Amino acid sequence: METRAIAPRSSLGGFVPENLEARGSEKQEWINVHEPYELRDWAIYFSVSRMKIAEAVMAVGPMVEDVKRYLGK
C-alpha cells in the first residue's frame, strides 16, 4: 500500500502538487485532469479553481508550462 505525503509548500507560499518537486528527472511536466487529487493540487498551486485548471488544459493541453502561461502565472 502506497502512502502519500502532504504536499510541500512552494517558495510562493502555496502548496506544490506532490509530483511537481519530485527528485531528479521525475519532475511532473503534465496535468492529469482525470485524477481529482491532481486537479485539487494544481488548483491550490496556481491559486485558481479546479474548473479553471480543467479549462486551461482543454484550451492549451496538459503540459504544465503551457497551462502556466495560459493562466498568466
N, C-alpha and C. Protein backbone atom coordinates (compact mmCIF):
# COMPACT_ATOMS: atom_id res chain seq x y z
N MET A 1 0.84 -1.19 0.00
CA MET A 1 0.00 0.00 0.00
C MET A 1 0.88 1.24 0.00
N GLU A 2 0.64 2.10 -0.96
CA GLU A 2 1.44 3.32 -1.08
C GLU A 2 0.82 4.42 -0.24
N THR A 3 1.64 5.17 0.45
CA THR A 3 1.15 6.32 1.21
C THR A 3 1.69 7.58 0.56
N ARG A 4 0.91 8.64 0.65
CA ARG A 4 1.34 9.91 0.07
C ARG A 4 1.60 10.91 1.17
N ALA A 5 2.67 11.65 0.99
CA ALA A 5 3.00 12.70 1.96
C ALA A 5 2.16 13.94 1.66
N ILE A 6 2.03 14.78 2.64
CA ILE A 6 1.36 16.06 2.43
C ILE A 6 2.21 16.89 1.49
N ALA A 7 1.57 17.56 0.56
CA ALA A 7 2.31 18.36 -0.42
C ALA A 7 3.11 19.45 0.28
N PRO A 8 4.37 19.63 -0.12
CA PRO A 8 5.20 20.68 0.50
C PRO A 8 4.75 22.06 0.05
N ARG A 9 5.19 23.07 0.76
CA ARG A 9 4.89 24.45 0.37
C ARG A 9 5.92 24.92 -0.64
N SER A 10 5.48 25.68 -1.60
CA SER A 10 6.39 26.23 -2.59
C SER A 10 6.98 27.53 -2.07
N SER A 11 7.94 28.07 -2.79
CA SER A 11 8.53 29.34 -2.40
C SER A 11 7.52 30.48 -2.56
N LEU A 12 6.42 30.21 -3.28
CA LEU A 12 5.38 31.21 -3.45
C LEU A 12 4.40 31.20 -2.28
N GLY A 13 4.59 30.26 -1.35
CA GLY A 13 3.73 30.19 -0.19
C GLY A 13 2.56 29.24 -0.33
N GLY A 14 2.32 28.70 -1.52
CA GLY A 14 1.21 27.79 -1.73
C GLY A 14 1.69 26.35 -1.71
N PHE A 15 0.76 25.45 -1.79
CA PHE A 15 1.12 24.04 -1.84
C PHE A 15 1.60 23.68 -3.23
N VAL A 16 2.48 22.69 -3.30
CA VAL A 16 3.01 22.22 -4.57
C VAL A 16 2.45 20.83 -4.83
N PRO A 17 1.91 20.57 -6.01
CA PRO A 17 1.45 19.22 -6.30
C PRO A 17 2.55 18.22 -6.01
N GLU A 18 2.19 17.09 -5.44
CA GLU A 18 3.18 16.17 -4.90
C GLU A 18 4.27 15.78 -5.88
N ASN A 19 3.98 15.71 -7.18
CA ASN A 19 4.99 15.27 -8.13
C ASN A 19 5.75 16.42 -8.77
N LEU A 20 5.34 17.65 -8.54
CA LEU A 20 5.98 18.79 -9.19
C LEU A 20 7.42 18.94 -8.75
N GLU A 21 7.69 18.71 -7.48
CA GLU A 21 9.04 18.85 -6.98
C GLU A 21 9.69 17.49 -6.74
N ALA A 22 9.33 16.53 -7.58
CA ALA A 22 9.89 15.19 -7.44
C ALA A 22 11.40 15.23 -7.63
N ARG A 23 12.07 14.30 -7.05
CA ARG A 23 13.53 14.25 -7.12
C ARG A 23 14.00 13.87 -8.52
N GLY A 24 15.13 14.40 -8.91
CA GLY A 24 15.77 14.01 -10.16
C GLY A 24 14.96 14.36 -11.38
N SER A 25 14.96 13.48 -12.36
CA SER A 25 14.29 13.75 -13.63
C SER A 25 12.82 13.37 -13.61
N GLU A 26 12.29 13.03 -12.45
CA GLU A 26 10.90 12.60 -12.35
C GLU A 26 9.95 13.78 -12.18
N LYS A 27 10.42 15.00 -12.37
CA LYS A 27 9.57 16.18 -12.21
C LYS A 27 8.37 16.09 -13.14
N GLN A 28 7.19 16.29 -12.59
CA GLN A 28 5.97 16.17 -13.38
C GLN A 28 5.86 17.34 -14.34
N GLU A 29 5.59 17.03 -15.59
CA GLU A 29 5.52 18.06 -16.62
C GLU A 29 4.13 18.22 -17.20
N TRP A 30 3.17 17.37 -16.80
CA TRP A 30 1.83 17.45 -17.34
C TRP A 30 0.80 17.23 -16.25
N ILE A 31 -0.43 17.68 -16.53
CA ILE A 31 -1.53 17.63 -15.57
C ILE A 31 -2.54 16.60 -16.04
N ASN A 32 -2.85 15.65 -15.18
CA ASN A 32 -3.85 14.63 -15.48
C ASN A 32 -5.18 15.08 -14.87
N VAL A 33 -6.06 15.65 -15.68
CA VAL A 33 -7.33 16.17 -15.17
C VAL A 33 -8.31 15.06 -14.80
N HIS A 34 -7.95 13.83 -15.08
CA HIS A 34 -8.82 12.70 -14.73
C HIS A 34 -8.57 12.20 -13.31
N GLU A 35 -7.62 12.80 -12.62
CA GLU A 35 -7.33 12.46 -11.22
C GLU A 35 -7.76 13.63 -10.34
N PRO A 36 -8.80 13.46 -9.53
CA PRO A 36 -9.29 14.56 -8.70
C PRO A 36 -8.22 15.20 -7.81
N TYR A 37 -7.30 14.38 -7.27
CA TYR A 37 -6.28 14.95 -6.40
C TYR A 37 -5.32 15.83 -7.19
N GLU A 38 -5.09 15.53 -8.47
CA GLU A 38 -4.22 16.39 -9.28
C GLU A 38 -4.91 17.72 -9.56
N LEU A 39 -6.19 17.68 -9.91
CA LEU A 39 -6.92 18.93 -10.12
C LEU A 39 -6.87 19.78 -8.86
N ARG A 40 -7.10 19.16 -7.71
CA ARG A 40 -7.07 19.88 -6.43
C ARG A 40 -5.70 20.48 -6.18
N ASP A 41 -4.63 19.67 -6.33
CA ASP A 41 -3.28 20.13 -6.04
C ASP A 41 -2.83 21.24 -6.98
N TRP A 42 -3.13 21.09 -8.28
CA TRP A 42 -2.74 22.13 -9.23
C TRP A 42 -3.54 23.40 -9.01
N ALA A 43 -4.82 23.28 -8.65
CA ALA A 43 -5.64 24.45 -8.36
C ALA A 43 -5.06 25.22 -7.18
N ILE A 44 -4.65 24.51 -6.16
CA ILE A 44 -4.02 25.15 -5.00
C ILE A 44 -2.70 25.80 -5.41
N TYR A 45 -1.90 25.09 -6.16
CA TYR A 45 -0.59 25.59 -6.58
C TYR A 45 -0.71 26.89 -7.38
N PHE A 46 -1.66 26.93 -8.33
CA PHE A 46 -1.82 28.11 -9.17
C PHE A 46 -2.81 29.13 -8.59
N SER A 47 -3.39 28.84 -7.43
CA SER A 47 -4.37 29.73 -6.78
C SER A 47 -5.56 30.05 -7.69
N VAL A 48 -6.09 29.00 -8.31
CA VAL A 48 -7.27 29.13 -9.16
C VAL A 48 -8.21 27.97 -8.82
N SER A 49 -9.39 27.98 -9.41
CA SER A 49 -10.34 26.89 -9.16
C SER A 49 -9.96 25.65 -9.96
N ARG A 50 -10.51 24.52 -9.55
CA ARG A 50 -10.32 23.27 -10.29
C ARG A 50 -10.88 23.41 -11.70
N MET A 51 -12.00 24.12 -11.82
CA MET A 51 -12.62 24.33 -13.12
C MET A 51 -11.68 25.13 -14.03
N LYS A 52 -10.97 26.10 -13.47
CA LYS A 52 -10.03 26.90 -14.26
C LYS A 52 -8.86 26.04 -14.75
N ILE A 53 -8.41 25.08 -13.95
CA ILE A 53 -7.34 24.17 -14.38
C ILE A 53 -7.86 23.32 -15.54
N ALA A 54 -9.06 22.76 -15.39
CA ALA A 54 -9.64 21.94 -16.45
C ALA A 54 -9.82 22.75 -17.73
N GLU A 55 -10.28 24.00 -17.59
CA GLU A 55 -10.46 24.88 -18.74
C GLU A 55 -9.12 25.14 -19.44
N ALA A 56 -8.09 25.40 -18.65
CA ALA A 56 -6.76 25.66 -19.22
C ALA A 56 -6.24 24.44 -19.98
N VAL A 57 -6.41 23.26 -19.41
CA VAL A 57 -5.96 22.03 -20.08
C VAL A 57 -6.73 21.82 -21.38
N MET A 58 -8.03 22.11 -21.36
CA MET A 58 -8.82 21.98 -22.59
C MET A 58 -8.34 22.96 -23.65
N ALA A 59 -7.92 24.15 -23.23
CA ALA A 59 -7.51 25.20 -24.17
C ALA A 59 -6.12 24.98 -24.75
N VAL A 60 -5.16 24.56 -23.88
CA VAL A 60 -3.76 24.52 -24.33
C VAL A 60 -3.10 23.15 -24.19
N GLY A 61 -3.81 22.19 -23.62
CA GLY A 61 -3.23 20.87 -23.43
C GLY A 61 -2.72 20.69 -22.01
N PRO A 62 -2.22 19.49 -21.68
CA PRO A 62 -1.88 19.15 -20.30
C PRO A 62 -0.48 19.56 -19.82
N MET A 63 0.34 20.13 -20.68
CA MET A 63 1.71 20.47 -20.27
C MET A 63 1.69 21.63 -19.27
N VAL A 64 2.39 21.45 -18.13
CA VAL A 64 2.37 22.42 -17.05
C VAL A 64 2.79 23.81 -17.52
N GLU A 65 3.85 23.90 -18.31
CA GLU A 65 4.33 25.21 -18.77
C GLU A 65 3.29 25.92 -19.63
N ASP A 66 2.56 25.18 -20.45
CA ASP A 66 1.51 25.78 -21.28
C ASP A 66 0.35 26.27 -20.42
N VAL A 67 -0.02 25.48 -19.44
CA VAL A 67 -1.11 25.86 -18.53
C VAL A 67 -0.68 27.09 -17.73
N LYS A 68 0.55 27.10 -17.28
CA LYS A 68 1.09 28.24 -16.53
C LYS A 68 0.99 29.53 -17.34
N ARG A 69 1.39 29.48 -18.60
CA ARG A 69 1.30 30.65 -19.48
C ARG A 69 -0.16 31.07 -19.69
N TYR A 70 -1.02 30.10 -19.92
CA TYR A 70 -2.45 30.38 -20.14
C TYR A 70 -3.05 31.09 -18.93
N LEU A 71 -2.65 30.67 -17.75
CA LEU A 71 -3.18 31.26 -16.52
C LEU A 71 -2.49 32.58 -16.15
N GLY A 72 -1.44 32.92 -16.89
CA GLY A 72 -0.70 34.16 -16.62
C GLY A 72 0.10 34.11 -15.34
N LYS A 73 0.62 32.93 -15.01
CA LYS A 73 1.37 32.75 -13.75
C LYS A 73 2.87 32.72 -14.00
